[in-house]
Amino acid sequence: MVMVLFTIHCSLFTVSCGLRKQTTADTETQSAIGPAFNADSAFLFCQQQCDFGPRTMNSQAHDLCEQWIINKFKGYGMTVIPQKCELKGYDGTTLHSTNIIASYKPDLKDRILLCAHWDCRPWADNDPDEANWHKPVLAANDAASGVAVMLEIARLISEELRTKSSWTSQAAKPSDDYTETTDTSQQSNHNSSLLTLNSSFGIDFICFDAEDYGFPQWETTDDPGNTWALGAQYWAANPHVSGYKARYGILLDMVGGQGAQFYQEIMSKHYAKHIVDKVWQAASIVGYGSSFPMTEGGQITDDHIPVNTVANIPCIDIIPYYPNCEQSTFGPTWHTLNDDMAHLDKNTLLAVGQTIIQVLFSEK
């Protein structure tokens, strides 16, 4: 995740250890729709990415994970375009990058964009132990979680394509290679009635590369330049389809952390307030309003910025904000060696995943 300039526009409160469901009077009359997001499956997708090791730029782990992501999306019936590009890091290093674009119904002009970055921070430069600053981050949360949520959504869509019938309201089964007993306490218990994805639009899942090769904290400069979100910058200026447009975009960044809450990011509200309203309302409808407080958080430089400013697609950032965390307002594991599987929370994956399902399946 990128460096930020935080502007606090909210009252501070203590982040709870768990995510609690909350339903307001305004949303009680609205129905939760769509399939049940499976947090166990998403958690497994995080683990499988981390099994490659840190997916840092120009590494073997990066190349192997790239092919794995491509194969997973293809296995779920998506059309996949690997967008290869040579980018320059802040230090002049050539970064052999791949933006992975996986498309559902690619022939349709009307589209919705989901995105996340998949590369890892090469340096744990926010670790409390300075001796770890030059070690790579495993990035279970700050990379793998966003990709995992998108993969689980793609898997659920593929189930609809295979069955050609309505979803059931029971918890969806986990991914095919998941072998442990499903912990149903981690699944949504929402009641579904309208369950079929609208056939009038397509969905693009974009895994942006080279997001986290930004200027490290140990370097000193008055102008670090635009060194973050390099893959998103490239895609925004060179979309995989000429003249590409989408109704809107949703960026998923660090969506699996323990005790995470997702405040309304300031630049998201500036560029796409109507999408912020749509997503936060969806969270309330499916019972995760406490995970998505109706309060502003920080002002963040992330992949959604070039999507908004260069591609001209209204795009928001779902990203955690920890106002009382001394280590970082992104949470205690951000850019540290503790960003590992032991610090992920299935409840967080579920809150975000079910919210996105609600948004997609309620779209007209």
Protein backbone atom coordinates (compact mmCIF):
# COMPACT_ATOMS: atom_id res chain seq x y z
CA MET A 1 0.00 0.00 0.00
CA VAL A 2 1.16 3.52 -0.82
CA MET A 3 2.32 6.32 1.39
CA VAL A 4 -0.30 8.89 2.28
CA LEU A 5 -0.95 12.35 3.55
CA PHE A 6 -3.61 11.81 6.19
CA THR A 7 -6.12 14.50 6.96
CA ILE A 8 -8.28 13.55 9.92
CA HIS A 9 -11.90 14.57 9.55
CA CYS A 10 -13.40 12.27 12.13
CA SER A 11 -13.73 11.57 15.79
CA LEU A 12 -11.30 8.98 17.01
CA PHE A 13 -12.54 5.77 18.50
CA THR A 14 -11.09 2.47 19.62
CA VAL A 15 -11.03 -0.21 16.93
CA SER A 16 -12.56 -3.40 18.19
CA CYS A 17 -10.79 -6.73 17.83
CA GLY A 18 -13.64 -8.27 15.85
CA LEU A 19 -16.09 -7.10 13.23
CA ARG A 20 -19.67 -6.97 14.40
CA LYS A 21 -22.72 -6.98 12.21
CA GLN A 22 -24.96 -3.95 12.37
CA THR A 23 -28.27 -3.18 10.71
CA THR A 24 -29.77 0.30 10.76
CA ALA A 25 -33.40 1.28 10.49
CA ASP A 26 -32.73 2.76 7.04
CA THR A 27 -31.60 -0.59 5.63
CA GLU A 28 -33.86 -3.04 7.43
CA THR A 29 -36.43 -2.85 4.63
CA GLN A 30 -33.84 -3.62 1.93
CA SER A 31 -32.88 -7.17 1.07
CA ALA A 32 -29.46 -8.77 1.01
CA ILE A 33 -29.08 -10.43 -2.38
CA GLY A 34 -26.56 -12.55 -4.21
CA PRO A 35 -24.58 -15.62 -3.19
CA ALA A 36 -22.98 -15.98 0.21
CA PHE A 37 -19.34 -14.97 0.09
CA ASN A 38 -17.12 -17.78 1.41
CA ALA A 39 -14.42 -16.43 3.72
CA ASP A 40 -12.70 -19.81 4.02
CA SER A 41 -12.22 -19.91 0.27
CA ALA A 42 -10.87 -16.35 0.17
CA PHE A 43 -8.53 -17.12 3.06
CA LEU A 44 -7.19 -20.09 1.11
CA PHE A 45 -6.54 -17.87 -1.90
CA CYS A 46 -4.47 -15.62 0.38
CA GLN A 47 -2.50 -18.60 1.63
CA GLN A 48 -1.85 -19.89 -1.88
CA GLN A 49 -0.39 -16.54 -2.93
CA CYS A 50 1.78 -16.37 0.17
CA ASP A 51 3.02 -19.90 -0.47
CA PHE A 52 5.07 -18.48 -3.34
CA GLY A 53 6.87 -16.21 -0.87
CA PRO A 54 7.12 -12.41 -1.25
CA ARG A 55 5.93 -11.56 -4.78
CA THR A 56 8.38 -8.70 -5.20
CA MET A 57 9.15 -7.21 -8.59
CA ASN A 58 11.54 -9.17 -10.85
CA SER A 59 11.51 -12.23 -8.56
CA GLN A 60 10.77 -15.87 -9.35
CA ALA A 61 7.95 -15.81 -6.80
CA HIS A 62 6.42 -12.90 -8.71
CA ASP A 63 6.54 -14.81 -12.00
CA LEU A 64 5.09 -18.00 -10.50
CA CYS A 65 2.26 -16.17 -8.75
CA GLU A 66 1.45 -14.28 -11.93
CA GLN A 67 0.79 -17.52 -13.77
CA TRP A 68 -1.19 -18.88 -10.84
CA ILE A 69 -3.49 -15.84 -10.79
CA ILE A 70 -3.98 -16.07 -14.56
CA ASN A 71 -4.81 -19.77 -14.35
CA LYS A 72 -7.27 -19.27 -11.48
CA PHE A 73 -9.25 -16.61 -13.34
CA LYS A 74 -9.21 -18.68 -16.52
CA GLY A 75 -10.43 -21.66 -14.54
CA TYR A 76 -13.43 -19.60 -13.47
CA GLY A 77 -14.37 -18.84 -17.06
CA MET A 78 -12.85 -15.37 -17.29
CA THR A 79 -11.09 -14.03 -20.38
CA VAL A 80 -7.61 -13.03 -19.23
CA ILE A 81 -5.24 -10.47 -20.75
CA PRO A 82 -1.74 -10.21 -19.21
CA GLN A 83 -0.67 -6.63 -19.90
CA LYS A 84 3.13 -6.65 -19.99
CA CYS A 85 4.98 -3.41 -19.40
CA GLU A 86 8.49 -2.27 -18.49
CA LEU A 87 8.31 0.35 -15.76
CA LYS A 88 10.97 2.38 -13.98
CA GLY A 89 11.22 2.29 -10.21
CA TYR A 90 12.16 5.31 -8.13
CA ASP A 91 15.81 4.13 -8.20
CA GLY A 92 15.92 3.53 -11.94
CA THR A 93 15.37 -0.23 -11.68
CA THR A 94 13.51 -1.68 -14.66
CA LEU A 95 10.44 -3.44 -13.30
CA HIS A 96 9.15 -6.29 -15.45
CA SER A 97 5.48 -5.77 -14.72
CA THR A 98 2.22 -7.46 -15.59
CA ASN A 99 -1.22 -6.02 -15.04
CA ILE A 100 -3.58 -9.00 -15.07
CA ILE A 101 -7.01 -8.21 -16.54
CA ALA A 102 -9.67 -10.90 -16.14
CA SER A 103 -13.03 -10.19 -17.76
CA TYR A 104 -16.52 -11.56 -17.31
CA LYS A 105 -18.61 -11.04 -20.46
CA PRO A 106 -15.81 -9.12 -22.21
CA ASP A 107 -17.98 -8.36 -25.27
CA LEU A 108 -20.36 -6.09 -23.35
CA LYS A 109 -19.62 -2.37 -23.49
CA ASP A 110 -21.28 -1.61 -20.15
CA ARG A 111 -18.78 -2.63 -17.43
CA ILE A 112 -17.91 -2.49 -13.73
CA LEU A 113 -14.30 -2.52 -12.58
CA LEU A 114 -12.90 -4.27 -9.51
CA CYS A 115 -9.19 -3.93 -8.84
CA ALA A 116 -6.39 -4.62 -6.38
CA HIS A 117 -2.62 -4.74 -6.53
CA TRP A 118 -0.83 -8.08 -6.39
CA ASP A 119 2.87 -7.19 -5.95
CA CYS A 120 4.61 -7.10 -2.56
CA ARG A 121 6.57 -4.36 -0.85
CA PRO A 122 10.28 -5.18 -1.35
CA TRP A 123 11.23 -3.60 1.95
CA ALA A 124 9.63 -3.84 5.40
CA ASP A 125 10.54 -0.20 5.94
CA ASN A 126 7.88 0.40 8.58
CA ASP A 127 8.89 -2.55 10.73
CA PRO A 128 9.53 -1.61 14.35
CA ASP A 129 12.91 -3.37 14.08
CA GLU A 130 15.17 -1.34 11.81
CA ALA A 131 17.18 -4.50 11.08
CA ASN A 132 14.18 -5.72 9.03
CA TRP A 133 13.81 -2.66 6.86
CA HIS A 134 15.56 -4.18 3.84
CA LYS A 135 13.70 -7.52 4.02
CA PRO A 136 10.73 -8.20 1.72
CA VAL A 137 7.15 -8.27 3.01
CA LEU A 138 5.07 -11.45 2.61
CA ALA A 139 2.05 -9.20 2.06
CA ALA A 140 -0.80 -11.48 3.11
CA ASN A 141 -2.96 -8.41 3.66
CA ASP A 142 -1.26 -5.69 1.62
CA ALA A 143 -1.64 -7.48 -1.72
CA ALA A 144 -2.98 -11.03 -1.36
CA SER A 145 -6.26 -10.13 0.36
CA GLY A 146 -7.61 -7.91 -2.42
CA VAL A 147 -6.75 -10.47 -5.09
CA ALA A 148 -8.32 -13.21 -2.96
CA VAL A 149 -11.63 -11.37 -2.64
CA MET A 150 -11.74 -10.85 -6.40
CA LEU A 151 -10.94 -14.51 -7.05
CA GLU A 152 -13.73 -15.65 -4.73
CA ILE A 153 -16.19 -13.35 -6.50
CA ALA A 154 -15.05 -14.73 -9.86
CA ARG A 155 -15.53 -18.25 -8.49
CA LEU A 156 -19.08 -17.46 -7.41
CA ILE A 157 -19.87 -15.98 -10.81
CA SER A 158 -18.50 -19.13 -12.44
CA GLU A 159 -20.90 -21.18 -10.32
CA GLU A 160 -23.77 -19.18 -11.79
CA LEU A 161 -22.45 -19.72 -15.30
CA ARG A 162 -22.26 -23.47 -14.72
CA THR A 163 -25.63 -23.95 -13.06
CA LYS A 164 -27.62 -21.46 -15.17
CA SER A 165 -30.00 -21.20 -12.24
CA SER A 166 -30.73 -19.09 -9.18
CA TRP A 167 -28.41 -19.08 -6.22
CA THR A 168 -29.48 -20.71 -3.00
CA SER A 169 -29.43 -18.72 0.21
CA GLN A 170 -27.14 -21.24 1.88
CA ALA A 171 -23.44 -20.56 2.31
CA ALA A 172 -21.54 -21.10 -0.93
CA LYS A 173 -19.14 -23.99 -1.06
CA PRO A 174 -15.44 -23.12 -0.89
CA SER A 175 -13.04 -23.32 -3.81
CA ASP A 176 -12.47 -26.69 -5.42
CA ASP A 177 -9.05 -27.15 -3.86
CA TYR A 178 -10.24 -26.31 -0.33
CA THR A 179 -10.20 -29.49 1.76
CA GLU A 180 -10.75 -28.45 5.37
CA THR A 181 -14.16 -28.35 7.03
CA THR A 182 -15.89 -25.05 6.35
CA ASP A 183 -16.31 -22.87 9.43
CA THR A 184 -19.83 -21.64 8.83
CA SER A 185 -19.47 -19.03 11.55
CA GLN A 186 -17.33 -17.14 9.04
CA GLN A 187 -20.05 -17.10 6.37
CA SER A 188 -22.82 -14.59 5.85
CA ASN A 189 -26.23 -15.49 7.25
CA HIS A 190 -28.09 -12.95 5.11
CA ASN A 191 -31.42 -13.92 3.60
CA SER A 192 -31.31 -13.88 -0.19
CA SER A 193 -34.23 -13.55 -2.54
CA LEU A 194 -33.08 -11.86 -5.75
CA LEU A 195 -30.00 -13.83 -6.63
CA THR A 196 -29.17 -13.58 -10.32
CA LEU A 197 -26.45 -11.23 -11.56
CA ASN A 198 -27.80 -8.70 -14.04
CA SER A 199 -26.81 -9.79 -17.54
CA SER A 200 -26.61 -6.26 -18.95
CA PHE A 201 -23.05 -5.50 -17.82
CA GLY A 202 -19.67 -7.17 -17.69
CA ILE A 203 -17.09 -7.14 -14.91
CA ASP A 204 -13.35 -6.60 -15.15
CA PHE A 205 -11.04 -7.80 -12.39
CA ILE A 206 -7.70 -6.01 -12.67
CA CYS A 207 -4.68 -7.04 -10.63
CA PHE A 208 -2.35 -4.05 -10.81
CA ASP A 209 1.38 -4.64 -10.62
CA ALA A 210 4.23 -2.46 -9.31
CA GLU A 211 2.02 -0.61 -6.83
CA ASP A 212 4.30 -1.02 -3.85
CA TYR A 213 7.72 -0.08 -5.25
CA GLY A 214 7.36 3.45 -3.97
CA PHE A 215 10.01 5.58 -2.32
CA PRO A 216 11.30 3.86 0.86
CA GLN A 217 11.25 5.62 4.19
CA TRP A 218 15.01 5.48 4.67
CA GLU A 219 15.62 7.63 1.58
CA THR A 220 15.48 11.39 1.93
CA THR A 221 14.25 13.77 -0.72
CA ASP A 222 12.12 16.88 -0.93
CA ASP A 223 10.25 15.42 -3.93
CA PRO A 224 9.87 11.62 -3.99
CA GLY A 225 7.93 11.90 -7.26
CA ASN A 226 5.03 9.78 -8.41
CA THR A 227 6.68 6.46 -7.53
CA TRP A 228 3.64 4.54 -6.31
CA ALA A 229 0.89 2.73 -8.25
CA LEU A 230 3.07 2.39 -11.34
CA GLY A 231 1.04 -0.44 -12.89
CA ALA A 232 -2.21 1.45 -12.42
CA GLN A 233 -0.65 4.56 -13.94
CA TYR A 234 0.36 2.54 -16.99
CA TRP A 235 -3.03 0.86 -17.40
CA ALA A 236 -4.94 4.13 -16.99
CA ALA A 237 -2.93 5.65 -19.86
CA ASN A 238 -2.91 2.41 -21.88
CA PRO A 239 -6.12 0.48 -21.16
CA HIS A 240 -6.35 -3.11 -22.35
CA VAL A 241 -9.25 -2.10 -24.61
CA SER A 242 -9.02 1.11 -26.62
CA GLY A 243 -11.42 3.70 -25.22
CA TYR A 244 -12.23 1.50 -22.22
CA LYS A 245 -14.91 2.88 -19.92
CA ALA A 246 -16.73 1.51 -16.90
CA ARG A 247 -19.68 2.64 -14.82
CA TYR A 248 -17.35 2.82 -11.85
CA GLY A 249 -14.43 1.11 -10.17
CA ILE A 250 -13.82 -0.27 -6.69
CA LEU A 251 -10.27 -0.74 -5.44
CA LEU A 252 -9.66 -3.35 -2.71
CA ASP A 253 -6.52 -2.66 -0.69
CA MET A 254 -5.64 -4.44 2.56
CA VAL A 255 -9.09 -5.96 3.03
CA GLY A 256 -8.16 -8.82 5.36
CA GLY A 257 -6.54 -7.27 8.42
CA GLN A 258 -7.50 -8.03 12.01
CA GLY A 259 -9.92 -5.50 13.46
CA ALA A 260 -9.99 -3.50 10.24
CA GLN A 261 -12.61 -0.84 9.67
CA PHE A 262 -13.08 0.95 6.38
CA TYR A 263 -13.62 4.66 6.73
CA GLN A 264 -14.64 6.69 3.70
CA GLU A 265 -11.42 7.68 1.97
CA ILE A 266 -11.32 11.40 1.13
CA MET A 267 -10.18 11.23 -2.51
CA SER A 268 -12.81 8.57 -3.16
CA LYS A 269 -15.47 10.96 -1.93
CA HIS A 270 -13.99 13.75 -4.02
CA TYR A 271 -14.07 11.80 -7.28
CA ALA A 272 -16.91 9.33 -6.74
CA LYS A 273 -19.07 10.16 -3.74
CA HIS A 274 -22.08 8.39 -5.28
CA ILE A 275 -20.08 5.15 -5.40
CA VAL A 276 -18.93 5.59 -1.81
CA ASP A 277 -22.58 6.01 -0.83
CA LYS A 278 -23.56 2.91 -2.83
CA VAL A 279 -20.89 0.69 -1.25
CA TRP A 280 -21.34 1.86 2.34
CA GLN A 281 -25.10 1.44 2.04
CA ALA A 282 -24.55 -2.09 0.71
CA ALA A 283 -22.38 -2.87 3.73
CA SER A 284 -25.22 -1.81 6.04
CA ILE A 285 -27.76 -3.88 4.14
CA VAL A 286 -25.73 -7.08 4.49
CA GLY A 287 -25.07 -6.42 8.17
CA TYR A 288 -21.54 -5.01 8.15
CA GLY A 289 -22.22 -1.35 8.79
CA SER A 290 -19.89 -1.40 11.79
CA SER A 291 -17.06 -2.41 9.46
CA PHE A 292 -17.85 0.51 7.15
CA PRO A 293 -18.41 3.55 9.38
CA MET A 294 -20.07 6.55 7.78
CA THR A 295 -17.04 8.65 8.67
CA GLU A 296 -14.12 10.09 6.71
CA GLY A 297 -10.66 8.59 7.05
CA GLY A 298 -7.45 9.59 5.29
CA GLN A 299 -6.49 11.14 1.97
CA ILE A 300 -4.61 8.41 0.12
CA THR A 301 -2.45 8.07 -2.97
CA ASP A 302 -3.34 4.65 -4.32
CA ASP A 303 -4.26 2.85 -7.55
CA HIS A 304 -7.64 4.59 -7.69
CA ILE A 305 -6.04 7.98 -8.34
CA PRO A 306 -4.85 7.33 -11.93
CA VAL A 307 -8.07 5.41 -12.61
CA ASN A 308 -9.94 8.61 -11.71
CA THR A 309 -7.62 11.24 -13.14
CA VAL A 310 -6.23 9.53 -16.25
CA ALA A 311 -8.80 6.88 -17.23
CA ASN A 312 -11.64 9.17 -16.08
CA ILE A 313 -13.48 6.32 -14.40
CA PRO A 314 -15.05 7.16 -11.02
CA CYS A 315 -13.23 4.81 -8.65
CA ILE A 316 -13.19 4.47 -4.88
CA ASP A 317 -10.73 2.87 -2.49
CA ILE A 318 -11.85 0.40 0.19
CA ILE A 319 -8.91 0.61 2.54
CA PRO A 320 -8.63 0.30 6.34
CA TYR A 321 -8.05 3.17 8.70
CA TYR A 322 -6.77 2.67 12.26
CA PRO A 323 -6.95 6.12 13.89
CA ASN A 324 -5.47 4.97 17.20
CA CYS A 325 -2.71 2.68 15.91
CA GLU A 326 0.72 4.02 16.83
CA GLN A 327 2.52 1.86 14.27
CA SER A 328 0.52 3.12 11.29
CA THR A 329 -2.97 4.37 10.48
CA PHE A 330 -3.00 1.48 7.98
CA GLY A 331 -2.72 -0.92 10.89
CA PRO A 332 0.11 -2.51 12.90
CA THR A 333 1.31 -4.89 10.15
CA TRP A 334 1.60 -2.38 7.29
CA HIS A 335 5.00 -2.71 5.58
CA THR A 336 6.30 -4.95 8.34
CA LEU A 337 7.31 -8.59 8.54
CA ASN A 338 4.09 -9.21 10.48
CA ASP A 339 2.00 -8.85 7.33
CA ASP A 340 1.54 -12.62 7.24
CA MET A 341 -1.24 -15.20 7.35
CA ALA A 342 -1.27 -15.22 11.16
CA HIS A 343 -2.53 -11.61 11.10
CA LEU A 344 -5.39 -12.09 8.63
CA ASP A 345 -9.01 -12.23 9.76
CA LYS A 346 -11.68 -14.18 7.86
CA ASN A 347 -14.31 -11.87 9.33
CA THR A 348 -12.73 -8.92 7.54
CA LEU A 349 -12.59 -10.79 4.23
CA LEU A 350 -16.24 -11.72 4.70
CA ALA A 351 -17.36 -8.16 5.49
CA VAL A 352 -15.71 -6.78 2.36
CA GLY A 353 -16.57 -9.70 0.09
CA GLN A 354 -20.26 -9.80 1.01
CA THR A 355 -20.48 -6.04 0.56
CA ILE A 356 -19.09 -6.26 -2.97
CA ILE A 357 -21.46 -9.13 -3.77
CA GLN A 358 -24.34 -6.92 -2.64
CA VAL A 359 -23.17 -4.09 -4.86
CA LEU A 360 -22.78 -6.28 -7.94
CA PHE A 361 -25.98 -8.29 -7.59
CA SER A 362 -28.12 -5.24 -6.83
CA GLU A 363 -26.78 -3.34 -9.86
CA LYS A 364 -29.45 -2.66 -12.47
